[in-house]
Amino acid sequence: MTDQNLTLLTDFYEITMMQGYYKNNTNDIVVFDAFYRTNPSGGGYAVCAGLDQVIDYIKNLHFDADDIEYLRSLGVFEEDFLRYLADFRFSGSIYAVPEGSVVFPREPLVKVIAPIMEAQLVETAILTMINHQSLIATKASRVCYAARGAGVMEFGLRRAQGPDAGTYGARAAVIGGCIGTSNVLAAKMFQVPALGTHAHSWIMSFDDELTAFRKYAELYPQNATLLVDTYDTLRSGVPNAIRVFTELREAGRMPSRYGIRLDSGDLSYLSKKARKMLDEAGFPEASICASSDLDEYLIESLNSQGAAIDSWGVGTNLITSKDCPAFGGVYKLAAVQKNGEFIPKIKLSENPVKITNPGNKTVFRIYDKQTGKIKADLIAFADEVIDTTKPLLLFDPEATWKQTLLEPDTYTVRELLVPVFLDGRCVYDSPAVMDIRSYCGREMATLWDETKRFVNPQEVYVDLSERLYRTRQELLDTIHKKSKRH
């Protein structure tokens, strides 16, 4: 990301469409929305991430000479268009939901307002960055919720789909709630904690397990977490760890943090047995960390069984979001500017969920004033305002008879989309990753527990303002009338 020009990180048809617009002298200002249709993993929410990488991409958007030469070599693009690309820069505006926000289907996460050639080019890169990191941040938030406050470490680099996925996935995992990562490059790039213990190979490289433990504790006296399942967890690993801890205590060199890690076997049974052995030996402060193909479902199950686990190392199933490998975000044209006015555009589909919401829009989050919990999100035109001193009628845009009337002064409102670029100039400073993580934690607290559960979660309603709903219906009626005439 930092060392490579990513302007060609786009689908080929984006550039062929750009040439089509150029040759037809079409470069109207348009509005595109990036959104998703279904929550990952059958959940009740998602966590938005990836915006900082979008910002870097937009700031550095330009075609190098070798990019132009490559495009020329394809025999598809004409010289006048290639000359246009040589001076290309993004001049539009971008609004986005801040990273770490909880979000829901169908609402814009990123809104691009720009000449259509510019808005078309950036589609693919915006989607790949937002889709990937939002997917991993969402998965991490679910894993951390299952952990019930115990620390979750991201351990997935070696199983990620390549270096970029491992590095930016680690960033997203920390945003979603992980306390740190084993990925040292990610820890350096994003200033997050680098965490880890040691491998089975450390134990196997010594003549015996006890010596391996002693040497490790000697090298790392401030954090002696010993991997106890190389040979026999309860007969060898835990007793040898206790022996080393006893020697350290007798020598007056007790580590500030110490404990054991379990990486195989029945983690519930082994952790409870190990906890009993550690406590009886006089080491109640010794922590027990568990790894071994964990995900939110297994962690929740182990916690329900009373497993004595204080922290979790989660790898493959987190960094790949194994049960849901794609976020499914899309990027759709919503409006075209004519004579200074945005004309709403709509896409139809045989599948109702794929019918888009037209116009230049924003998103309002409605909170219950007493509890601070989310009542609903409301998609509205960008120039609409909500007066909390007046009643607010919310209704399901598909089943309009489902309605909720909020009484005056019983609710609060926050606009989710914030300006990121205005007329090509970045006006947004991305927070540090650990600050985004804290913000995400506060966002998670605004969800009802019923929305966070893994099985049949309660849906958070995403409604349309009355004016937007009416515009949408008018466009649908107009298109249906035209289709009947033909």
Protein backbone atom coordinates (compact mmCIF):
# COMPACT_ATOMS: atom_id res chain seq x y z
CA MET A 1 0.00 0.00 0.00
CA THR A 2 2.70 2.49 0.94
CA ASP A 3 5.26 1.47 -1.70
CA GLN A 4 3.13 0.85 -4.78
CA ASN A 5 0.94 3.00 -6.99
CA LEU A 6 -2.48 1.35 -6.77
CA THR A 7 -4.22 3.34 -9.51
CA LEU A 8 -4.44 0.22 -11.71
CA LEU A 9 -5.94 -1.72 -8.81
CA THR A 10 -9.25 -1.64 -10.62
CA ASP A 11 -11.38 -3.77 -12.91
CA PHE A 12 -10.60 -3.37 -16.60
CA TYR A 13 -14.11 -2.27 -17.43
CA GLU A 14 -13.80 0.75 -15.15
CA ILE A 15 -11.15 2.18 -17.50
CA THR A 16 -12.99 1.18 -20.69
CA MET A 17 -16.11 2.91 -19.31
CA MET A 18 -13.98 5.96 -18.52
CA GLN A 19 -12.89 6.10 -22.13
CA GLY A 20 -16.50 5.74 -23.21
CA TYR A 21 -17.51 8.71 -21.09
CA TYR A 22 -14.53 10.69 -22.37
CA LYS A 23 -15.27 10.04 -26.04
CA ASN A 24 -18.91 10.98 -25.52
CA ASN A 25 -18.03 14.19 -23.66
CA THR A 26 -19.90 12.84 -20.63
CA ASN A 27 -18.47 13.71 -17.26
CA ASP A 28 -21.48 14.73 -15.15
CA ILE A 29 -21.16 14.95 -11.38
CA VAL A 30 -22.70 11.79 -9.95
CA VAL A 31 -23.35 10.12 -6.61
CA PHE A 32 -22.27 6.54 -5.97
CA ASP A 33 -23.05 4.64 -2.76
CA ALA A 34 -20.97 1.76 -1.36
CA PHE A 35 -23.12 -0.48 0.85
CA TYR A 36 -23.78 -4.13 1.62
CA ARG A 37 -26.94 -6.20 1.63
CA THR A 38 -26.52 -8.97 4.22
CA ASN A 39 -24.73 -9.09 7.58
CA PRO A 40 -21.73 -11.44 7.67
CA SER A 41 -21.98 -14.83 9.40
CA GLY A 42 -25.75 -14.52 9.82
CA GLY A 43 -25.20 -11.82 12.43
CA GLY A 44 -27.19 -8.77 13.40
CA TYR A 45 -24.63 -6.08 12.48
CA ALA A 46 -21.27 -5.36 10.86
CA VAL A 47 -18.28 -3.22 11.84
CA CYS A 48 -17.07 -0.79 9.19
CA ALA A 49 -13.30 -0.65 8.56
CA GLY A 50 -10.79 0.12 5.83
CA LEU A 51 -11.38 3.86 5.44
CA ASP A 52 -7.78 4.85 6.21
CA GLN A 53 -6.55 2.73 3.30
CA VAL A 54 -9.17 4.32 1.03
CA ILE A 55 -7.83 7.73 2.04
CA ASP A 56 -4.24 6.74 1.17
CA TYR A 57 -5.43 5.37 -2.16
CA ILE A 58 -7.35 8.51 -3.12
CA LYS A 59 -4.51 10.82 -2.06
CA ASN A 60 -2.06 8.95 -4.30
CA LEU A 61 -4.38 8.36 -7.25
CA HIS A 62 -2.45 9.04 -10.49
CA PHE A 63 -1.32 7.20 -13.60
CA ASP A 64 2.46 6.78 -13.86
CA ALA A 65 4.18 6.84 -17.24
CA ASP A 66 4.54 3.07 -17.17
CA ASP A 67 0.82 2.74 -16.37
CA ILE A 68 0.02 4.79 -19.46
CA GLU A 69 2.44 2.73 -21.55
CA TYR A 70 0.88 -0.50 -20.34
CA LEU A 71 -2.61 0.71 -21.21
CA ARG A 72 -1.34 1.82 -24.64
CA SER A 73 0.08 -1.65 -25.24
CA LEU A 74 -3.38 -3.19 -24.86
CA GLY A 75 -4.50 -1.65 -28.13
CA VAL A 76 -7.82 -0.56 -26.63
CA PHE A 77 -7.30 3.04 -25.57
CA GLU A 78 -6.92 6.05 -27.84
CA GLU A 79 -4.15 8.62 -27.52
CA ASP A 80 -6.34 11.57 -26.53
CA PHE A 81 -7.80 9.52 -23.65
CA LEU A 82 -4.34 8.39 -22.56
CA ARG A 83 -3.22 12.04 -22.49
CA TYR A 84 -6.20 12.78 -20.24
CA LEU A 85 -5.14 9.97 -17.88
CA ALA A 86 -1.61 11.38 -17.65
CA ASP A 87 -2.99 14.42 -15.79
CA PHE A 88 -5.69 12.56 -13.87
CA ARG A 89 -6.34 13.45 -10.23
CA PHE A 90 -9.36 12.91 -8.00
CA SER A 91 -11.30 16.17 -7.66
CA GLY A 92 -14.50 14.95 -6.02
CA SER A 93 -15.91 14.61 -2.53
CA ILE A 94 -16.22 11.52 -0.35
CA TYR A 95 -18.34 11.02 2.74
CA ALA A 96 -17.99 7.92 4.91
CA VAL A 97 -19.00 6.23 8.13
CA PRO A 98 -16.06 6.41 10.59
CA GLU A 99 -14.09 3.21 11.05
CA GLY A 100 -15.19 1.10 14.00
CA SER A 101 -18.85 2.07 13.59
CA VAL A 102 -21.49 -0.62 13.78
CA VAL A 103 -23.44 -0.61 10.53
CA PHE A 104 -26.34 -2.40 8.91
CA PRO A 105 -27.44 -3.54 5.45
CA ARG A 106 -28.48 -1.17 2.68
CA GLU A 107 -27.12 2.03 4.24
CA PRO A 108 -24.23 3.87 2.53
CA LEU A 109 -20.86 3.25 4.18
CA VAL A 110 -19.05 5.41 1.62
CA LYS A 111 -20.60 8.05 -0.66
CA VAL A 112 -18.64 9.38 -3.63
CA ILE A 113 -19.69 12.64 -5.31
CA ALA A 114 -17.46 13.26 -8.31
CA PRO A 115 -17.30 13.51 -12.11
CA ILE A 116 -18.43 10.13 -13.38
CA MET A 117 -15.03 9.19 -14.82
CA GLU A 118 -13.43 9.66 -11.40
CA ALA A 119 -16.27 8.02 -9.49
CA GLN A 120 -16.18 5.02 -11.83
CA LEU A 121 -12.43 4.47 -11.53
CA VAL A 122 -12.35 4.29 -7.72
CA GLU A 123 -15.16 1.73 -7.39
CA THR A 124 -13.10 -1.45 -7.28
CA ALA A 125 -10.39 -0.25 -4.89
CA ILE A 126 -12.89 1.24 -2.46
CA LEU A 127 -14.84 -2.01 -2.42
CA THR A 128 -11.87 -4.32 -1.92
CA MET A 129 -10.53 -2.20 0.97
CA ILE A 130 -13.86 -1.68 2.73
CA ASN A 131 -15.13 -5.21 2.06
CA HIS A 132 -12.05 -7.00 3.39
CA GLN A 133 -11.42 -5.00 6.54
CA SER A 134 -15.12 -4.70 7.43
CA LEU A 135 -15.41 -8.49 7.13
CA ILE A 136 -12.48 -9.15 9.48
CA ALA A 137 -13.43 -6.40 11.93
CA THR A 138 -16.94 -7.87 12.14
CA LYS A 139 -15.60 -11.37 12.71
CA ALA A 140 -13.24 -10.09 15.41
CA SER A 141 -16.06 -8.27 17.19
CA ARG A 142 -18.05 -11.52 17.31
CA VAL A 143 -15.07 -13.47 18.64
CA CYS A 144 -14.38 -10.82 21.29
CA TYR A 145 -18.05 -10.77 22.31
CA ALA A 146 -17.92 -14.54 22.82
CA ALA A 147 -14.78 -14.13 24.94
CA ARG A 148 -16.79 -12.16 27.54
CA GLY A 149 -14.10 -9.59 28.24
CA ALA A 150 -11.11 -11.94 28.15
CA GLY A 151 -8.34 -10.75 25.83
CA VAL A 152 -8.32 -12.05 22.26
CA MET A 153 -5.03 -12.10 20.35
CA GLU A 154 -4.99 -12.21 16.54
CA PHE A 155 -2.72 -15.10 15.53
CA GLY A 156 -3.63 -15.67 11.88
CA LEU A 157 -0.86 -14.35 9.63
CA ARG A 158 0.44 -17.74 8.49
CA ARG A 159 -3.05 -18.80 7.37
CA ALA A 160 -4.13 -15.50 5.76
CA GLN A 161 -4.66 -15.21 2.01
CA GLY A 162 -1.31 -13.51 1.50
CA PRO A 163 0.74 -10.79 3.20
CA ASP A 164 -1.67 -7.91 2.57
CA ALA A 165 -4.66 -9.87 3.88
CA GLY A 166 -2.66 -10.88 6.93
CA THR A 167 -1.44 -7.37 7.65
CA TYR A 168 -4.57 -5.33 6.97
CA GLY A 169 -6.66 -8.16 8.42
CA ALA A 170 -4.69 -7.81 11.67
CA ARG A 171 -5.46 -4.08 11.64
CA ALA A 172 -9.14 -4.79 11.19
CA ALA A 173 -9.09 -7.46 13.90
CA VAL A 174 -7.72 -4.97 16.43
CA ILE A 175 -10.39 -2.46 15.40
CA GLY A 176 -12.98 -5.16 16.04
CA GLY A 177 -11.69 -5.73 19.59
CA CYS A 178 -8.53 -7.85 19.59
CA ILE A 179 -5.92 -6.69 22.11
CA GLY A 180 -3.02 -7.17 19.69
CA THR A 181 -1.53 -9.31 16.94
CA SER A 182 1.26 -11.78 16.35
CA ASN A 183 1.99 -9.99 13.04
CA VAL A 184 5.04 -7.86 13.78
CA LEU A 185 4.76 -5.83 10.57
CA ALA A 186 1.15 -4.95 11.37
CA ALA A 187 2.12 -4.08 14.94
CA LYS A 188 4.80 -1.71 13.63
CA MET A 189 2.68 -0.15 10.86
CA PHE A 190 -0.39 0.48 12.99
CA GLN A 191 1.17 0.93 16.45
CA VAL A 192 -0.70 -1.93 18.09
CA PRO A 193 0.65 -4.48 20.62
CA ALA A 194 2.79 -7.32 19.26
CA LEU A 195 1.90 -10.50 21.15
CA GLY A 196 2.90 -14.15 21.25
CA THR A 197 4.54 -16.95 23.22
CA HIS A 198 6.65 -19.71 21.64
CA ALA A 199 6.19 -22.72 19.35
CA HIS A 200 6.35 -26.45 19.96
CA SER A 201 9.67 -26.39 18.08
CA TRP A 202 11.20 -24.45 21.00
CA ILE A 203 10.37 -27.33 23.33
CA MET A 204 11.47 -29.98 20.84
CA SER A 205 14.82 -28.28 20.20
CA PHE A 206 15.93 -29.04 23.78
CA ASP A 207 16.72 -32.41 25.29
CA ASP A 208 13.77 -32.16 27.65
CA GLU A 209 10.69 -30.01 28.28
CA LEU A 210 11.80 -28.74 31.68
CA THR A 211 15.03 -27.30 30.28
CA ALA A 212 13.11 -25.60 27.47
CA PHE A 213 10.77 -23.98 29.99
CA ARG A 214 13.64 -22.87 32.20
CA LYS A 215 15.51 -21.26 29.29
CA TYR A 216 12.42 -19.45 28.03
CA ALA A 217 11.55 -18.09 31.49
CA GLU A 218 15.17 -17.00 31.89
CA LEU A 219 15.11 -15.11 28.58
CA TYR A 220 11.70 -13.48 29.08
CA PRO A 221 11.27 -12.92 32.81
CA GLN A 222 8.51 -10.32 32.38
CA ASN A 223 6.17 -12.55 30.38
CA ALA A 224 6.75 -16.26 30.87
CA THR A 225 3.84 -18.03 29.17
CA LEU A 226 4.78 -21.67 28.60
CA LEU A 227 3.28 -23.94 25.94
CA VAL A 228 2.42 -27.12 27.84
CA ASP A 229 0.94 -29.56 25.29
CA THR A 230 4.00 -30.67 23.29
CA TYR A 231 4.16 -34.08 24.98
CA ASP A 232 1.56 -34.61 27.72
CA THR A 233 -0.34 -31.61 29.04
CA LEU A 234 -1.33 -32.83 32.51
CA ARG A 235 1.45 -35.35 33.24
CA SER A 236 4.36 -33.35 31.88
CA GLY A 237 3.58 -29.86 30.62
CA VAL A 238 1.71 -28.35 33.56
CA PRO A 239 3.88 -30.03 36.25
CA ASN A 240 7.05 -28.77 34.54
CA ALA A 241 5.60 -25.28 34.23
CA ILE A 242 4.75 -25.34 37.96
CA ARG A 243 8.28 -26.47 38.75
CA VAL A 244 9.75 -23.53 36.81
CA PHE A 245 7.36 -21.07 38.46
CA THR A 246 8.34 -22.47 41.87
CA GLU A 247 12.05 -22.06 41.08
CA LEU A 248 11.47 -18.48 39.96
CA ARG A 249 9.55 -17.68 43.14
CA GLU A 250 12.22 -19.23 45.37
CA ALA A 251 14.86 -17.21 43.55
CA GLY A 252 12.86 -14.00 43.96
CA ARG A 253 12.47 -13.63 40.19
CA MET A 254 8.75 -14.08 39.68
CA PRO A 255 7.63 -12.65 36.32
CA SER A 256 5.12 -9.82 36.30
CA ARG A 257 3.06 -11.95 33.92
CA TYR A 258 3.21 -15.70 33.69
CA GLY A 259 1.09 -18.68 32.81
CA ILE A 260 0.54 -21.51 30.35
CA ARG A 261 -0.87 -21.95 26.85
CA LEU A 262 -3.02 -24.84 25.68
CA ASP A 263 -3.01 -25.54 21.95
CA SER A 264 -4.73 -28.91 21.58
CA GLY A 265 -7.03 -31.40 23.22
CA ASP A 266 -10.24 -30.81 25.15
CA LEU A 267 -9.68 -27.21 26.13
CA SER A 268 -12.50 -27.16 28.67
CA TYR A 269 -11.33 -30.26 30.52
CA LEU A 270 -7.62 -29.43 30.32
CA SER A 271 -8.03 -25.81 31.41
CA LYS A 272 -10.08 -26.77 34.46
CA LYS A 273 -7.57 -29.45 35.47
CA ALA A 274 -4.64 -27.12 34.86
CA ARG A 275 -6.31 -24.34 36.87
CA LYS A 276 -6.73 -26.69 39.81
CA MET A 277 -3.09 -27.78 39.63
CA LEU A 278 -1.80 -24.20 39.40
CA ASP A 279 -3.98 -23.01 42.27
CA GLU A 280 -2.99 -25.90 44.53
CA ALA A 281 0.69 -25.18 43.81
CA GLY A 282 0.19 -21.59 44.94
CA PHE A 283 -0.06 -19.87 41.55
CA PRO A 284 -3.60 -18.49 41.31
CA GLU A 285 -2.31 -15.52 39.28
CA ALA A 286 -0.97 -17.78 36.54
CA SER A 287 -3.00 -17.18 33.40
CA ILE A 288 -4.26 -19.85 31.02
CA CYS A 289 -4.25 -18.98 27.33
CA ALA A 290 -5.92 -21.18 24.74
CA SER A 291 -5.49 -21.44 20.98
CA SER A 292 -6.29 -24.26 18.49
CA ASP A 293 -8.74 -23.47 15.63
CA LEU A 294 -10.96 -21.24 17.72
CA ASP A 295 -13.91 -19.15 16.58
CA GLU A 296 -16.79 -17.37 18.30
CA TYR A 297 -18.93 -20.50 18.45
CA LEU A 298 -16.27 -22.67 20.09
CA ILE A 299 -15.27 -19.91 22.52
CA GLU A 300 -18.90 -19.39 23.50
CA SER A 301 -19.30 -23.15 24.00
CA LEU A 302 -16.14 -23.41 26.11
CA ASN A 303 -17.25 -20.50 28.28
CA SER A 304 -20.65 -22.10 28.79
CA GLN A 305 -18.83 -25.24 30.01
CA GLY A 306 -16.92 -23.24 32.60
CA ALA A 307 -13.55 -23.45 30.89
CA ALA A 308 -10.84 -21.78 32.98
CA ILE A 309 -9.36 -19.74 30.15
CA ASP A 310 -8.15 -16.17 30.66
CA SER A 311 -7.14 -15.23 27.11
CA TRP A 312 -7.55 -16.55 23.60
CA GLY A 313 -5.31 -16.77 20.55
CA VAL A 314 -7.45 -16.93 17.44
CA GLY A 315 -5.93 -17.53 14.02
CA THR A 316 -7.31 -19.14 10.88
CA ASN A 317 -11.02 -18.75 11.51
CA LEU A 318 -10.61 -15.04 12.32
CA ILE A 319 -8.12 -13.82 9.72
CA THR A 320 -10.01 -15.64 6.91
CA SER A 321 -13.52 -15.23 8.34
CA LYS A 322 -13.73 -18.90 7.45
CA ASP A 323 -17.49 -19.37 7.74
CA CYS A 324 -18.23 -16.21 5.70
CA PRO A 325 -15.35 -15.44 3.32
CA ALA A 326 -16.82 -12.34 1.61
CA PHE A 327 -18.50 -9.16 2.83
CA GLY A 328 -20.55 -8.59 -0.31
CA GLY A 329 -20.35 -4.81 -0.51
CA VAL A 330 -21.52 -3.16 -3.74
CA TYR A 331 -21.16 0.28 -5.36
CA LYS A 332 -24.19 1.72 -7.14
CA LEU A 333 -25.04 4.92 -8.99
CA ALA A 334 -27.64 6.88 -7.00
CA ALA A 335 -27.91 10.30 -8.67
CA VAL A 336 -26.72 12.41 -11.59
CA GLN A 337 -26.36 16.18 -11.34
CA LYS A 338 -28.21 18.25 -13.98
CA ASN A 339 -28.29 22.05 -13.83
CA GLY A 340 -27.01 21.98 -10.26
CA GLU A 341 -29.66 19.53 -9.04
CA PHE A 342 -29.18 15.85 -8.22
CA ILE A 343 -31.59 13.71 -10.22
CA PRO A 344 -32.25 10.44 -8.33
CA LYS A 345 -31.45 7.18 -10.15
CA ILE A 346 -32.65 3.70 -9.23
CA LYS A 347 -31.62 0.17 -10.21
CA LEU A 348 -34.34 -2.48 -10.50
CA SER A 349 -33.97 -6.21 -10.02
CA GLU A 350 -36.07 -9.36 -9.94
CA ASN A 351 -34.62 -9.71 -6.44
CA PRO A 352 -36.21 -7.02 -4.23
CA VAL A 353 -33.14 -6.73 -1.98
CA LYS A 354 -31.14 -5.56 -5.02
CA ILE A 355 -33.39 -2.58 -5.76
CA THR A 356 -31.35 0.48 -4.82
CA ASN A 357 -32.24 3.60 -2.86
CA PRO A 358 -32.03 6.68 -5.11
CA GLY A 359 -30.64 10.15 -4.60
CA ASN A 360 -27.94 12.01 -2.70
CA LYS A 361 -28.43 10.58 0.77
CA THR A 362 -27.19 10.51 4.33
CA VAL A 363 -27.82 8.19 7.28
CA PHE A 364 -29.24 9.20 10.66
CA ARG A 365 -28.83 6.92 13.67
CA ILE A 366 -31.73 7.09 16.09
CA TYR A 367 -30.97 6.31 19.75
CA ASP A 368 -33.27 5.72 22.67
CA LYS A 369 -32.59 8.73 24.89
CA GLN A 370 -32.91 6.82 28.15
CA THR A 371 -30.76 3.77 27.37
CA GLY A 372 -28.44 5.08 24.64
CA LYS A 373 -29.25 1.98 22.58
CA ILE A 374 -29.91 2.09 18.83
CA LYS A 375 -33.60 2.28 17.91
CA ALA A 376 -33.14 2.34 14.14
CA ASP A 377 -31.16 3.86 11.29
CA LEU A 378 -32.90 6.22 8.89
CA ILE A 379 -31.70 6.78 5.33
CA ALA A 380 -32.74 10.23 4.14
CA PHE A 381 -31.87 12.83 1.53
CA ALA A 382 -28.71 14.74 2.40
CA ASP A 383 -30.60 18.01 2.91
CA GLU A 384 -33.13 16.57 5.36
CA VAL A 385 -32.97 17.38 9.07
CA ILE A 386 -34.57 15.69 12.08
CA ASP A 387 -36.02 17.79 14.88
CA THR A 388 -35.89 15.72 18.09
CA THR A 389 -38.44 18.04 19.72
CA LYS A 390 -41.05 16.66 17.33
CA PRO A 391 -42.46 13.14 16.96
CA LEU A 392 -40.71 10.88 14.46
CA LEU A 393 -42.55 8.16 12.55
CA LEU A 394 -40.43 5.17 11.54
CA PHE A 395 -41.83 2.60 9.15
CA ASP A 396 -40.60 -0.48 7.33
CA PRO A 397 -40.09 0.49 3.65
CA GLU A 398 -41.17 -2.98 2.49
CA ALA A 399 -43.99 -3.63 4.98
CA THR A 400 -45.17 -0.08 5.56
CA TRP A 401 -47.82 -1.07 8.10
CA LYS A 402 -45.01 -1.87 10.53
CA GLN A 403 -44.58 1.50 12.22
CA THR A 404 -43.09 3.03 15.35
CA LEU A 405 -43.89 6.55 16.55
CA LEU A 406 -41.15 8.12 18.67
CA GLU A 407 -42.44 10.78 21.01
CA PRO A 408 -40.68 14.18 21.19
CA ASP A 409 -37.54 14.33 23.34
CA THR A 410 -37.43 10.54 23.80
CA TYR A 411 -34.74 9.99 21.19
CA THR A 412 -31.45 11.45 19.98
CA VAL A 413 -29.99 11.55 16.48
CA ARG A 414 -26.47 11.30 15.02
CA GLU A 415 -25.59 11.68 11.34
CA LEU A 416 -23.25 8.82 10.41
CA LEU A 417 -21.65 10.03 7.18
CA VAL A 418 -18.84 12.54 7.71
CA PRO A 419 -16.84 14.44 5.07
CA VAL A 420 -13.54 12.79 4.16
CA PHE A 421 -12.64 14.56 0.89
CA LEU A 422 -14.13 17.85 -0.29
CA ASP A 423 -13.35 18.93 -3.86
CA GLY A 424 -10.35 16.63 -3.98
CA ARG A 425 -8.87 17.78 -0.66
CA CYS A 426 -8.69 15.44 2.33
CA VAL A 427 -10.42 17.02 5.34
CA TYR A 428 -10.39 13.99 7.64
CA ASP A 429 -7.70 12.79 10.05
CA SER A 430 -7.86 9.07 10.72
CA PRO A 431 -7.54 8.19 14.42
CA ALA A 432 -4.90 5.75 15.64
CA VAL A 433 -5.95 2.11 15.40
CA MET A 434 -6.14 1.64 19.16
CA ASP A 435 -8.37 4.72 19.37
CA ILE A 436 -10.62 3.27 16.67
CA ARG A 437 -10.72 0.06 18.73
CA SER A 438 -11.95 2.02 21.76
CA TYR A 439 -14.56 3.78 19.64
CA CYS A 440 -15.72 0.41 18.30
CA GLY A 441 -16.15 -0.82 21.86
CA ARG A 442 -18.41 2.14 22.59
CA GLU A 443 -20.33 1.45 19.39
CA MET A 444 -20.85 -2.19 20.40
CA ALA A 445 -22.32 -0.97 23.69
CA THR A 446 -25.11 0.78 21.75
CA LEU A 447 -26.36 -2.56 20.40
CA TRP A 448 -28.96 -4.52 22.31
CA ASP A 449 -27.77 -7.97 23.42
CA GLU A 450 -30.48 -9.47 21.23
CA THR A 451 -28.72 -8.04 18.16
CA LYS A 452 -25.32 -9.41 19.22
CA ARG A 453 -26.42 -13.01 19.74
CA PHE A 454 -25.15 -15.53 17.19
CA VAL A 455 -28.37 -17.47 16.58
CA ASN A 456 -31.37 -15.64 15.12
CA PRO A 457 -30.24 -12.14 16.12
CA GLN A 458 -32.77 -9.33 16.32
CA GLU A 459 -32.62 -7.13 13.23
CA VAL A 460 -31.87 -3.43 13.61
CA TYR A 461 -34.31 -1.60 11.40
CA VAL A 462 -32.95 0.48 8.53
CA ASP A 463 -35.82 2.68 7.39
CA LEU A 464 -36.30 5.38 4.76
CA SER A 465 -37.46 8.91 5.39
CA GLU A 466 -40.96 9.58 4.11
CA ARG A 467 -39.61 11.83 1.36
CA LEU A 468 -37.04 9.27 0.20
CA TYR A 469 -39.61 6.48 0.32
CA ARG A 470 -42.02 8.54 -1.77
CA THR A 471 -39.32 9.35 -4.35
CA ARG A 472 -38.36 5.70 -4.58
CA GLN A 473 -41.96 4.65 -5.19
CA GLU A 474 -42.45 7.34 -7.82
CA LEU A 475 -39.37 6.13 -9.71
CA LEU A 476 -40.56 2.54 -9.54
CA ASP A 477 -44.01 3.53 -10.81
CA THR A 478 -42.52 5.55 -13.67
CA ILE A 479 -40.30 2.67 -14.77
CA HIS A 480 -43.19 0.20 -14.61
CA LYS A 481 -45.36 2.48 -16.74
CA LYS A 482 -42.61 2.82 -19.34
CA SER A 483 -42.06 -0.93 -19.44
CA LYS A 484 -45.78 -1.55 -20.06
CA ARG A 485 -45.73 0.78 -23.06
CA HIS A 486 -42.92 -1.24 -24.57
